[in-house]
PDB file of N, CA and C in Angstrom:
ATOM      1  N   MET A   1      11.025  13.073   3.842  1.00  0.00           N
ATOM      2  CA  MET A   1       9.883  12.455   3.212  1.00  0.00           C
ATOM      3  C   MET A   1      10.407  11.490   2.146  1.00  0.00           C
ATOM      4  N   ALA A   2       9.938  10.269   2.193  1.00  0.00           N
ATOM      5  CA  ALA A   2      10.374   9.252   1.239  1.00  0.00           C
ATOM      6  C   ALA A   2       9.502   9.308  -0.011  1.00  0.00           C
ATOM      7  N   LEU A   3      10.148   9.128  -1.141  1.00  0.00           N
ATOM      8  CA  LEU A   3       9.417   9.117  -2.410  1.00  0.00           C
ATOM      9  C   LEU A   3       8.968   7.699  -2.732  1.00  0.00           C
ATOM     10  N   LYS A   4       7.878   7.585  -3.456  1.00  0.00           N
ATOM     11  CA  LYS A   4       7.349   6.283  -3.853  1.00  0.00           C
ATOM     12  C   LYS A   4       8.243   5.673  -4.929  1.00  0.00           C
ATOM     13  N   PRO A   5       8.247   4.334  -5.037  1.00  0.00           N
ATOM     14  CA  PRO A   5       9.062   3.677  -6.060  1.00  0.00           C
ATOM     15  C   PRO A   5       8.733   4.141  -7.474  1.00  0.00           C
ATOM     16  N   ALA A   6       7.492   4.482  -7.742  1.00  0.00           N
ATOM     17  CA  ALA A   6       7.120   4.948  -9.082  1.00  0.00           C
ATOM     18  C   ALA A   6       7.812   6.271  -9.407  1.00  0.00           C
ATOM     19  N   VAL A   7       7.962   7.140  -8.406  1.00  0.00           N
ATOM     20  CA  VAL A   7       8.656   8.420  -8.615  1.00  0.00           C
ATOM     21  C   VAL A   7      10.133   8.163  -8.873  1.00  0.00           C
ATOM     22  N   TRP A   8      10.734   7.275  -8.064  1.00  0.00           N
ATOM     23  CA  TRP A   8      12.148   6.947  -8.272  1.00  0.00           C
ATOM     24  C   TRP A   8      12.371   6.301  -9.629  1.00  0.00           C
ATOM     25  N   GLN A   9      11.409   5.513 -10.082  1.00  0.00           N
ATOM     26  CA  GLN A   9      11.530   4.882 -11.395  1.00  0.00           C
ATOM     27  C   GLN A   9      11.579   5.954 -12.483  1.00  0.00           C
ATOM     28  N   GLY A  10      10.722   6.960 -12.372  1.00  0.00           N
ATOM     29  CA  GLY A  10      10.730   8.057 -13.348  1.00  0.00           C
ATOM     30  C   GLY A  10      12.035   8.828 -13.328  1.00  0.00           C
ATOM     31  N   ILE A  11      12.554   9.060 -12.126  1.00  0.00           N
ATOM     32  CA  ILE A  11      13.829   9.773 -11.995  1.00  0.00           C
ATOM     33  C   ILE A  11      14.957   8.966 -12.633  1.00  0.00           C
ATOM     34  N   ALA A  12      15.011   7.665 -12.334  1.00  0.00           N
ATOM     35  CA  ALA A  12      16.066   6.807 -12.882  1.00  0.00           C
ATOM     36  C   ALA A  12      15.967   6.726 -14.397  1.00  0.00           C
ATOM     37  N   LEU A  13      14.758   6.611 -14.919  1.00  0.00           N
ATOM     38  CA  LEU A  13      14.574   6.544 -16.364  1.00  0.00           C
ATOM     39  C   LEU A  13      15.008   7.850 -17.030  1.00  0.00           C
ATOM     40  N   GLY A  14      14.659   8.971 -16.412  1.00  0.00           N
ATOM     41  CA  GLY A  14      15.077  10.268 -16.941  1.00  0.00           C
ATOM     42  C   GLY A  14      16.590  10.421 -16.955  1.00  0.00           C
ATOM     43  N   LEU A  15      17.252  10.005 -15.884  1.00  0.00           N
ATOM     44  CA  LEU A  15      18.714  10.091 -15.832  1.00  0.00           C
ATOM     45  C   LEU A  15      19.370   9.164 -16.853  1.00  0.00           C
ATOM     46  N   ALA A  16      18.764   8.006 -17.099  1.00  0.00           N
ATOM     47  CA  ALA A  16      19.302   7.088 -18.106  1.00  0.00           C
ATOM     48  C   ALA A  16      19.223   7.717 -19.490  1.00  0.00           C
ATOM     49  N   VAL A  17      18.093   8.319 -19.805  1.00  0.00           N
ATOM     50  CA  VAL A  17      17.922   8.951 -21.122  1.00  0.00           C
ATOM     51  C   VAL A  17      18.889  10.125 -21.282  1.00  0.00           C
ATOM     52  N   ILE A  18      19.014  10.936 -20.238  1.00  0.00           N
ATOM     53  CA  ILE A  18      19.927  12.092 -20.307  1.00  0.00           C
ATOM     54  C   ILE A  18      21.358  11.625 -20.569  1.00  0.00           C
ATOM     55  N   ASN A  19      21.795  10.578 -19.872  1.00  0.00           N
ATOM     56  CA  ASN A  19      23.167  10.095 -20.058  1.00  0.00           C
ATOM     57  C   ASN A  19      23.376   9.468 -21.424  1.00  0.00           C
ATOM     58  N   LEU A  20      22.381   8.795 -21.956  1.00  0.00           N
ATOM     59  CA  LEU A  20      22.552   8.210 -23.284  1.00  0.00           C
ATOM     60  C   LEU A  20      22.558   9.277 -24.369  1.00  0.00           C
ATOM     61  N   VAL A  21      21.776  10.340 -24.183  1.00  0.00           N
ATOM     62  CA  VAL A  21      21.828  11.464 -25.135  1.00  0.00           C
ATOM     63  C   VAL A  21      23.170  12.176 -25.028  1.00  0.00           C
ATOM     64  N   ALA A  22      23.660  12.339 -23.796  1.00  0.00           N
ATOM     65  CA  ALA A  22      24.957  12.990 -23.595  1.00  0.00           C
ATOM     66  C   ALA A  22      26.086  12.157 -24.195  1.00  0.00           C
ATOM     67  N   ALA A  23      25.907  10.848 -24.264  1.00  0.00           N
ATOM     68  CA  ALA A  23      26.927   9.991 -24.869  1.00  0.00           C
ATOM     69  C   ALA A  23      27.107  10.330 -26.344  1.00  0.00           C
ATOM     70  N   GLY A  24      26.038  10.735 -26.991  1.00  0.00           N
ATOM     71  CA  GLY A  24      26.139  11.137 -28.396  1.00  0.00           C
ATOM     72  C   GLY A  24      26.992  12.387 -28.572  1.00  0.00           C
ATOM     73  N   PHE A  25      26.932  13.292 -27.614  1.00  0.00           N
ATOM     74  CA  PHE A  25      27.735  14.514 -27.688  1.00  0.00           C
ATOM     75  C   PHE A  25      29.186  14.268 -27.281  1.00  0.00           C
ATOM     76  N   ALA A  26      29.437  13.193 -26.547  1.00  0.00           N
ATOM     77  CA  ALA A  26      30.793  12.894 -26.092  1.00  0.00           C
ATOM     78  C   ALA A  26      31.469  11.866 -26.982  1.00  0.00           C
ATOM     79  N   ALA A  27      31.026  11.727 -28.217  1.00  0.00           N
ATOM     80  CA  ALA A  27      31.545  10.692 -29.115  1.00  0.00           C
ATOM     81  C   ALA A  27      33.033  10.862 -29.426  1.00  0.00           C
ATOM     82  N   GLY A  28      33.550  12.080 -29.359  1.00  0.00           N
ATOM     83  CA  GLY A  28      34.962  12.314 -29.693  1.00  0.00           C
ATOM     84  C   GLY A  28      35.915  11.935 -28.574  1.00  0.00           C
ATOM     85  N   GLU A  29      35.446  11.809 -27.358  1.00  0.00           N
ATOM     86  CA  GLU A  29      36.308  11.506 -26.210  1.00  0.00           C
ATOM     87  C   GLU A  29      35.924  10.140 -25.637  1.00  0.00           C
ATOM     88  N   PRO A  30      36.771   9.133 -25.813  1.00  0.00           N
ATOM     89  CA  PRO A  30      36.409   7.766 -25.437  1.00  0.00           C
ATOM     90  C   PRO A  30      36.055   7.578 -23.950  1.00  0.00           C
ATOM     91  N   ARG A  31      36.827   8.200 -23.039  1.00  0.00           N
ATOM     92  CA  ARG A  31      36.538   8.019 -21.609  1.00  0.00           C
ATOM     93  C   ARG A  31      35.237   8.708 -21.213  1.00  0.00           C
ATOM     94  N   HIS A  32      35.029   9.883 -21.757  1.00  0.00           N
ATOM     95  CA  HIS A  32      33.810  10.629 -21.488  1.00  0.00           C
ATOM     96  C   HIS A  32      32.591   9.843 -22.029  1.00  0.00           C
ATOM     97  N   LEU A  33      32.750   9.312 -23.234  1.00  0.00           N
ATOM     98  CA  LEU A  33      31.691   8.510 -23.848  1.00  0.00           C
ATOM     99  C   LEU A  33      31.392   7.276 -22.999  1.00  0.00           C
ATOM    100  N   ALA A  34      32.436   6.572 -22.560  1.00  0.00           N
ATOM    101  CA  ALA A  34      32.256   5.365 -21.748  1.00  0.00           C
ATOM    102  C   ALA A  34      31.564   5.684 -20.420  1.00  0.00           C
ATOM    103  N   THR A  35      31.912   6.822 -19.833  1.00  0.00           N
ATOM    104  CA  THR A  35      31.290   7.223 -18.564  1.00  0.00           C
ATOM    105  C   THR A  35      29.787   7.412 -18.731  1.00  0.00           C
ATOM    106  N   HIS A  36      29.382   8.125 -19.805  1.00  0.00           N
ATOM    107  CA  HIS A  36      27.958   8.349 -20.028  1.00  0.00           C
ATOM    108  C   HIS A  36      27.225   7.048 -20.353  1.00  0.00           C
ATOM    109  N   ILE A  37      27.846   6.153 -21.074  1.00  0.00           N
ATOM    110  CA  ILE A  37      27.210   4.872 -21.399  1.00  0.00           C
ATOM    111  C   ILE A  37      27.023   4.029 -20.140  1.00  0.00           C
ATOM    112  N   VAL A  38      28.054   3.993 -19.297  1.00  0.00           N
ATOM    113  CA  VAL A  38      27.959   3.223 -18.049  1.00  0.00           C
ATOM    114  C   VAL A  38      26.887   3.818 -17.138  1.00  0.00           C
ATOM    115  N   LEU A  39      26.874   5.147 -17.005  1.00  0.00           N
ATOM    116  CA  LEU A  39      25.855   5.790 -16.173  1.00  0.00           C
ATOM    117  C   LEU A  39      24.452   5.560 -16.738  1.00  0.00           C
ATOM    118  N   GLY A  40      24.307   5.671 -18.049  1.00  0.00           N
ATOM    119  CA  GLY A  40      23.006   5.431 -18.677  1.00  0.00           C
ATOM    120  C   GLY A  40      22.523   4.011 -18.456  1.00  0.00           C
ATOM    121  N   ALA A  41      23.439   3.054 -18.608  1.00  0.00           N
ATOM    122  CA  ALA A  41      23.079   1.655 -18.390  1.00  0.00           C
ATOM    123  C   ALA A  41      22.745   1.398 -16.916  1.00  0.00           C
ATOM    124  N   GLY A  42      23.503   2.020 -16.033  1.00  0.00           N
ATOM    125  CA  GLY A  42      23.242   1.854 -14.593  1.00  0.00           C
ATOM    126  C   GLY A  42      21.879   2.407 -14.189  1.00  0.00           C
ATOM    127  N   PHE A  43      21.583   3.621 -14.635  1.00  0.00           N
ATOM    128  CA  PHE A  43      20.280   4.203 -14.315  1.00  0.00           C
ATOM    129  C   PHE A  43      19.147   3.431 -14.992  1.00  0.00           C
ATOM    130  N   GLY A  44      19.391   2.935 -16.202  1.00  0.00           N
ATOM    131  CA  GLY A  44      18.382   2.119 -16.878  1.00  0.00           C
ATOM    132  C   GLY A  44      18.108   0.823 -16.130  1.00  0.00           C
ATOM    133  N   GLY A  45      19.167   0.198 -15.633  1.00  0.00           N
ATOM    134  CA  GLY A  45      19.001  -1.022 -14.835  1.00  0.00           C
ATOM    135  C   GLY A  45      18.259  -0.752 -13.536  1.00  0.00           C
ATOM    136  N   TRP A  46      18.542   0.382 -12.930  1.00  0.00           N
ATOM    137  CA  TRP A  46      17.856   0.761 -11.705  1.00  0.00           C
ATOM    138  C   TRP A  46      16.367   0.984 -11.987  1.00  0.00           C
ATOM    139  N   ALA A  47      16.043   1.658 -13.090  1.00  0.00           N
ATOM    140  CA  ALA A  47      14.640   1.890 -13.461  1.00  0.00           C
ATOM    141  C   ALA A  47      13.934   0.557 -13.732  1.00  0.00           C
ATOM    142  N   TRP A  48      14.614  -0.367 -14.382  1.00  0.00           N
ATOM    143  CA  TRP A  48      14.036  -1.685 -14.665  1.00  0.00           C
ATOM    144  C   TRP A  48      13.783  -2.442 -13.364  1.00  0.00           C
ATOM    145  N   TRP A  49      14.735  -2.383 -12.425  1.00  0.00           N
ATOM    146  CA  TRP A  49      14.592  -3.049 -11.136  1.00  0.00           C
ATOM    147  C   TRP A  49      13.420  -2.456 -10.352  1.00  0.00           C
ATOM    148  N   LEU A  50      13.291  -1.122 -10.374  1.00  0.00           N
ATOM    149  CA  LEU A  50      12.185  -0.472  -9.675  1.00  0.00           C
ATOM    150  C   LEU A  50      10.842  -0.839 -10.305  1.00  0.00           C
ATOM    151  N   ARG A  51      10.800  -1.031 -11.610  1.00  0.00           N
ATOM    152  CA  ARG A  51       9.563  -1.407 -12.280  1.00  0.00           C
ATOM    153  C   ARG A  51       9.068  -2.751 -11.771  1.00  0.00           C
ATOM    154  N   GLY A  52       9.977  -3.665 -11.501  1.00  0.00           N
ATOM    155  CA  GLY A  52       9.597  -4.974 -10.965  1.00  0.00           C
ATOM    156  C   GLY A  52       9.075  -4.902  -9.548  1.00  0.00           C
ATOM    157  N   ARG A  53       9.466  -3.882  -8.796  1.00  0.00           N
ATOM    158  CA  ARG A  53       9.012  -3.734  -7.411  1.00  0.00           C
ATOM    159  C   ARG A  53       7.723  -2.946  -7.306  1.00  0.00           C
ATOM    160  N   THR A  54       7.333  -2.205  -8.336  1.00  0.00           N
ATOM    161  CA  THR A  54       6.131  -1.381  -8.301  1.00  0.00           C
ATOM    162  C   THR A  54       4.925  -2.240  -8.657  1.00  0.00           C
ATOM    163  N   PRO A  55       3.893  -2.290  -7.786  1.00  0.00           N
ATOM    164  CA  PRO A  55       2.700  -3.085  -8.106  1.00  0.00           C
ATOM    165  C   PRO A  55       2.019  -2.568  -9.373  1.00  0.00           C
ATOM    166  N   ALA A  56       1.574  -3.484 -10.218  1.00  0.00           N
ATOM    167  CA  ALA A  56       0.962  -3.111 -11.490  1.00  0.00           C
ATOM    168  C   ALA A  56      -0.389  -2.450 -11.307  1.00  0.00           C
ATOM    169  N   SER A  57      -1.150  -2.858 -10.291  1.00  0.00           N
ATOM    170  CA  SER A  57      -2.494  -2.321 -10.098  1.00  0.00           C
ATOM    171  C   SER A  57      -2.487  -0.971  -9.412  1.00  0.00           C
ATOM    172  N   GLY A  58      -1.344  -0.510  -8.939  1.00  0.00           N
ATOM    173  CA  GLY A  58      -1.275   0.765  -8.249  1.00  0.00           C
ATOM    174  C   GLY A  58      -1.578   0.638  -6.766  1.00  0.00           C
ATOM    175  N   GLN A  59      -1.807  -0.580  -6.288  1.00  0.00           N
ATOM    176  CA  GLN A  59      -2.089  -0.799  -4.883  1.00  0.00           C
ATOM    177  C   GLN A  59      -0.847  -1.327  -4.182  1.00  0.00           C
ATOM    178  N   GLN A  60      -0.840  -1.186  -2.888  1.00  0.00           N
ATOM    179  CA  GLN A  60       0.244  -1.737  -2.091  1.00  0.00           C
ATOM    180  C   GLN A  60       0.104  -3.259  -2.067  1.00  0.00           C
ATOM    181  N   PRO A  61       1.204  -3.997  -1.911  1.00  0.00           N
ATOM    182  CA  PRO A  61       1.141  -5.459  -1.969  1.00  0.00           C
ATOM    183  C   PRO A  61       0.191  -6.087  -0.952  1.00  0.00           C
ATOM    184  N   GLY A  62       0.146  -5.623   0.277  1.00  0.00           N
ATOM    185  CA  GLY A  62      -0.702  -6.236   1.300  1.00  0.00           C
ATOM    186  C   GLY A  62      -2.072  -5.603   1.420  1.00  0.00           C
ATOM    187  N   LEU A  63      -2.411  -4.698   0.534  1.00  0.00           N
ATOM    188  CA  LEU A  63      -3.664  -3.959   0.649  1.00  0.00           C
ATOM    189  C   LEU A  63      -4.875  -4.867   0.450  1.00  0.00           C
ATOM    190  N   ASP A  64      -4.802  -5.825  -0.460  1.00  0.00           N
ATOM    191  CA  ASP A  64      -5.929  -6.733  -0.687  1.00  0.00           C
ATOM    192  C   ASP A  64      -6.217  -7.565   0.555  1.00  0.00           C
ATOM    193  N   ALA A  65      -5.176  -8.061   1.208  1.00  0.00           N
ATOM    194  CA  ALA A  65      -5.362  -8.850   2.428  1.00  0.00           C
ATOM    195  C   ALA A  65      -5.947  -7.986   3.536  1.00  0.00           C
ATOM    196  N   LEU A  66      -5.504  -6.756   3.628  1.00  0.00           N
ATOM    197  CA  LEU A  66      -6.018  -5.843   4.646  1.00  0.00           C
ATOM    198  C   LEU A  66      -7.490  -5.521   4.402  1.00  0.00           C
ATOM    199  N   GLN A  67      -7.871  -5.317   3.145  1.00  0.00           N
ATOM    200  CA  GLN A  67      -9.268  -5.049   2.817  1.00  0.00           C
ATOM    201  C   GLN A  67     -10.144  -6.258   3.144  1.00  0.00           C
ATOM    202  N   ALA A  68      -9.655  -7.462   2.908  1.00  0.00           N
ATOM    203  CA  ALA A  68     -10.417  -8.667   3.239  1.00  0.00           C
ATOM    204  C   ALA A  68     -10.604  -8.783   4.752  1.00  0.00           C
ATOM    205  N   GLU A  69      -9.573  -8.456   5.506  1.00  0.00           N
ATOM    206  CA  GLU A  69      -9.652  -8.505   6.965  1.00  0.00           C
ATOM    207  C   GLU A  69     -10.657  -7.484   7.495  1.00  0.00           C
ATOM    208  N   VAL A  70     -10.653  -6.275   6.943  1.00  0.00           N
ATOM    209  CA  VAL A  70     -11.599  -5.236   7.363  1.00  0.00           C
ATOM    210  C   VAL A  70     -13.032  -5.673   7.040  1.00  0.00           C
ATOM    211  N   SER A  71     -13.227  -6.279   5.884  1.00  0.00           N
ATOM    212  CA  SER A  71     -14.546  -6.771   5.506  1.00  0.00           C
ATOM    213  C   SER A  71     -15.033  -7.844   6.486  1.00  0.00           C
ATOM    214  N   SER A  72     -14.153  -8.740   6.876  1.00  0.00           N
ATOM    215  CA  SER A  72     -14.495  -9.785   7.833  1.00  0.00           C
ATOM    216  C   SER A  72     -14.854  -9.174   9.188  1.00  0.00           C
ATOM    217  N   LEU A  73     -14.085  -8.191   9.629  1.00  0.00           N
ATOM    218  CA  LEU A  73     -14.369  -7.532  10.909  1.00  0.00           C
ATOM    219  C   LEU A  73     -15.702  -6.790  10.862  1.00  0.00           C
ATOM    220  N   ARG A  74     -16.043  -6.204   9.730  1.00  0.00           N
ATOM    221  CA  ARG A  74     -17.338  -5.526   9.600  1.00  0.00           C
ATOM    222  C   ARG A  74     -18.490  -6.518   9.742  1.00  0.00           C
ATOM    223  N   ARG A  75     -18.350  -7.692   9.104  1.00  0.00           N
ATOM    224  CA  ARG A  75     -19.396  -8.715   9.221  1.00  0.00           C
ATOM    225  C   ARG A  75     -19.558  -9.154  10.674  1.00  0.00           C
ATOM    226  N   GLU A  76     -18.450  -9.373  11.366  1.00  0.00           N
ATOM    227  CA  GLU A  76     -18.509  -9.797  12.767  1.00  0.00           C
ATOM    228  C   GLU A  76     -19.139  -8.713  13.640  1.00  0.00           C
ATOM    229  N   LEU A  77     -18.806  -7.456  13.388  1.00  0.00           N
ATOM    230  CA  LEU A  77     -19.377  -6.356  14.162  1.00  0.00           C
ATOM    231  C   LEU A  77     -20.877  -6.249  13.930  1.00  0.00           C
ATOM    232  N   THR A  78     -21.316  -6.410  12.685  1.00  0.00           N
ATOM    233  CA  THR A  78     -22.742  -6.368  12.379  1.00  0.00           C
ATOM    234  C   THR A  78     -23.478  -7.481  13.100  1.00  0.00           C
ATOM    235  N   GLU A  79     -22.917  -8.682  13.099  1.00  0.00           N
ATOM    236  CA  GLU A  79     -23.533  -9.813  13.795  1.00  0.00           C
ATOM    237  C   GLU A  79     -23.612  -9.551  15.296  1.00  0.00           C
ATOM    238  N   THR A  80     -22.560  -8.995  15.860  1.00  0.00           N
ATOM    239  CA  THR A  80     -22.551  -8.689  17.291  1.00  0.00           C
ATOM    240  C   THR A  80     -23.599  -7.639  17.633  1.00  0.00           C
ATOM    241  N   GLN A  81     -23.750  -6.622  16.794  1.00  0.00           N
ATOM    242  CA  GLN A  81     -24.759  -5.593  17.035  1.00  0.00           C
ATOM    243  C   GLN A  81     -26.170  -6.182  16.960  1.00  0.00           C
ATOM    244  N   GLU A  82     -26.403  -7.102  16.014  1.00  0.00           N
ATOM    245  CA  GLU A  82     -27.709  -7.749  15.919  1.00  0.00           C
ATOM    246  C   GLU A  82     -28.009  -8.569  17.169  1.00  0.00           C
ATOM    247  N   ARG A  83     -27.021  -9.257  17.693  1.00  0.00           N
ATOM    248  CA  ARG A  83     -27.218 -10.046  18.917  1.00  0.00           C
ATOM    249  C   ARG A  83     -27.509  -9.138  20.108  1.00  0.00           C
ATOM    250  N   LEU A  84     -26.823  -8.023  20.187  1.00  0.00           N
ATOM    251  CA  LEU A  84     -27.065  -7.069  21.274  1.00  0.00           C
ATOM    252  C   LEU A  84     -28.476  -6.492  21.179  1.00  0.00           C
ATOM    253  N   ASP A  85     -28.916  -6.132  19.981  1.00  0.00           N
ATOM    254  CA  ASP A  85     -30.275  -5.624  19.792  1.00  0.00           C
ATOM    255  C   ASP A  85     -31.313  -6.668  20.216  1.00  0.00           C
ATOM    256  N   PHE A  86     -31.091  -7.919  19.837  1.00  0.00           N
ATOM    257  CA  PHE A  86     -32.011  -8.997  20.207  1.00  0.00           C
ATOM    258  C   PHE A  86     -32.080  -9.135  21.726  1.00  0.00           C
ATOM    259  N   THR A  87     -30.920  -9.111  22.377  1.00  0.00           N
ATOM    260  CA  THR A  87     -30.876  -9.250  23.833  1.00  0.00           C
ATOM    261  C   THR A  87     -31.606  -8.092  24.504  1.00  0.00           C
ATOM    262  N   GLU A  88     -31.410  -6.886  24.008  1.00  0.00           N
ATOM    263  CA  GLU A  88     -32.097  -5.726  24.583  1.00  0.00           C
ATOM    264  C   GLU A  88     -33.611  -5.842  24.419  1.00  0.00           C
ATOM    265  N   ARG A  89     -34.067  -6.318  23.262  1.00  0.00           N
ATOM    266  CA  ARG A  89     -35.515  -6.503  23.053  1.00  0.00           C
ATOM    267  C   ARG A  89     -36.074  -7.559  24.006  1.00  0.00           C
ATOM    268  N   MET A  90     -35.350  -8.633  24.193  1.00  0.00           N
ATOM    269  CA  MET A  90     -35.813  -9.691  25.098  1.00  0.00           C
ATOM    270  C   MET A  90     -35.886  -9.188  26.536  1.00  0.00           C
ATOM    271  N   LEU A  91     -34.913  -8.410  26.944  1.00  0.00           N
ATOM    272  CA  LEU A  91     -34.930  -7.876  28.305  1.00  0.00           C
ATOM    273  C   LEU A  91     -36.045  -6.846  28.484  1.00  0.00           C
ATOM    274  N   ALA A  92     -36.367  -6.112  27.435  1.00  0.00           N
ATOM    275  CA  ALA A  92     -37.427  -5.103  27.530  1.00  0.00           C
ATOM    276  C   ALA A  92     -38.798  -5.762  27.630  1.00  0.00           C
ATOM    277  N   GLN A  93     -38.995  -6.923  27.049  1.00  0.00           N
ATOM    278  CA  GLN A  93     -40.283  -7.612  27.092  1.00  0.00           C
ATOM    279  C   GLN A  93     -40.515  -8.323  28.426  1.00  0.00           C
ATOM    280  N   ARG A  94     -39.512  -8.636  29.124  1.00  0.00           N
ATOM    281  CA  ARG A  94     -39.588  -9.390  30.369  1.00  0.00           C
ATOM    282  C   ARG A  94     -40.177  -8.494  31.464  1.00  0.00           C
ATOM    283  N   PRO A  95     -41.163  -8.964  32.188  1.00  0.00           N
ATOM    284  CA  PRO A  95     -41.711  -8.126  33.264  1.00  0.00           C
ATOM    285  C   PRO A  95     -40.673  -7.949  34.363  1.00  0.00           C
ATOM    286  N   GLN A  96     -40.617  -6.739  34.820  1.00  0.00           N
ATOM    287  CA  GLN A  96     -39.617  -6.462  35.852  1.00  0.00           C
ATOM    288  C   GLN A  96     -40.135  -6.954  37.196  1.00  0.00           C
ATOM    289  N   GLN A  97     -39.331  -7.713  37.836  1.00  0.00           N
ATOM    290  CA  GLN A  97     -39.682  -8.241  39.148  1.00  0.00           C
ATOM    291  C   GLN A  97     -38.845  -7.516  40.179  1.00  0.00           C
ATOM    292  N   ARG A  98     -39.532  -7.097  41.205  1.00  0.00           N
ATOM    293  CA  ARG A  98     -38.796  -6.425  42.279  1.00  0.00           C
ATOM    294  C   ARG A  98     -38.273  -7.489  43.225  1.00  0.00           C
ATOM    295  N   GLN A  99     -37.054  -7.365  43.525  1.00  0.00           N
ATOM    296  CA  GLN A  99     -36.465  -8.301  44.454  1.00  0.00           C
ATOM    297  C   GLN A  99     -36.392  -7.643  45.813  1.00  0.00           C
ATOM    298  N   VAL A 100     -37.129  -8.188  46.715  1.00  0.00           N
ATOM    299  CA  VAL A 100     -37.172  -7.628  48.058  1.00  0.00           C
ATOM    300  C   VAL A 100     -36.473  -8.622  48.977  1.00  0.00           C
ATOM    301  N   GLY A 101     -35.594  -8.121  49.747  1.00  0.00           N
ATOM    302  CA  GLY A 101     -34.876  -8.982  50.681  1.00  0.00           C
ATOM    303  C   GLY A 101     -35.762  -9.373  51.865  1.00  0.00           C
ATOM    304  N   PRO A 102     -35.299 -10.266  52.662  1.00  0.00           N
ATOM    305  CA  PRO A 102     -36.085 -10.680  53.850  1.00  0.00           C
ATOM    306  C   PRO A 102     -36.291  -9.501  54.816  1.00  0.00           C
ATOM    307  N   GLU A 103     -37.482  -9.453  55.410  1.00  0.00           N
ATOM    308  CA  GLU A 103     -37.769  -8.368  56.337  1.00  0.00           C
ATOM    309  C   GLU A 103     -37.151  -8.657  57.688  1.00  0.00           C
ATOM    310  N   ARG A 104     -36.724  -7.615  58.343  1.00  0.00           N
ATOM    311  CA  ARG A 104     -36.150  -7.779  59.670  1.00  0.00           C
ATOM    312  C   ARG A 104     -36.987  -7.143  60.703  1.00  0.00           C
TER     313      ARG A 104
END
């Protein structure tokens, strides 16, 4: 199951904060400190990148276009149903004529 970008953004942000806090505890060891700073910056950059990919309105990028298309199809279907109803009424009003073939 794939996670949404918003979930990954939260995970990346959490890992960035954890690594930057851990950098404070690793202040006595330069390599350990550098590792936590690099990891914190990397996860922070990843969270920032994911924020740019996450739609602000909470909708999917193509959802507005899809909703417009569905609305257009609904209008066309309604028009088609009205035409069918009209045709059925016209056929019901027409007197039925029996068609008799030639007698033999």
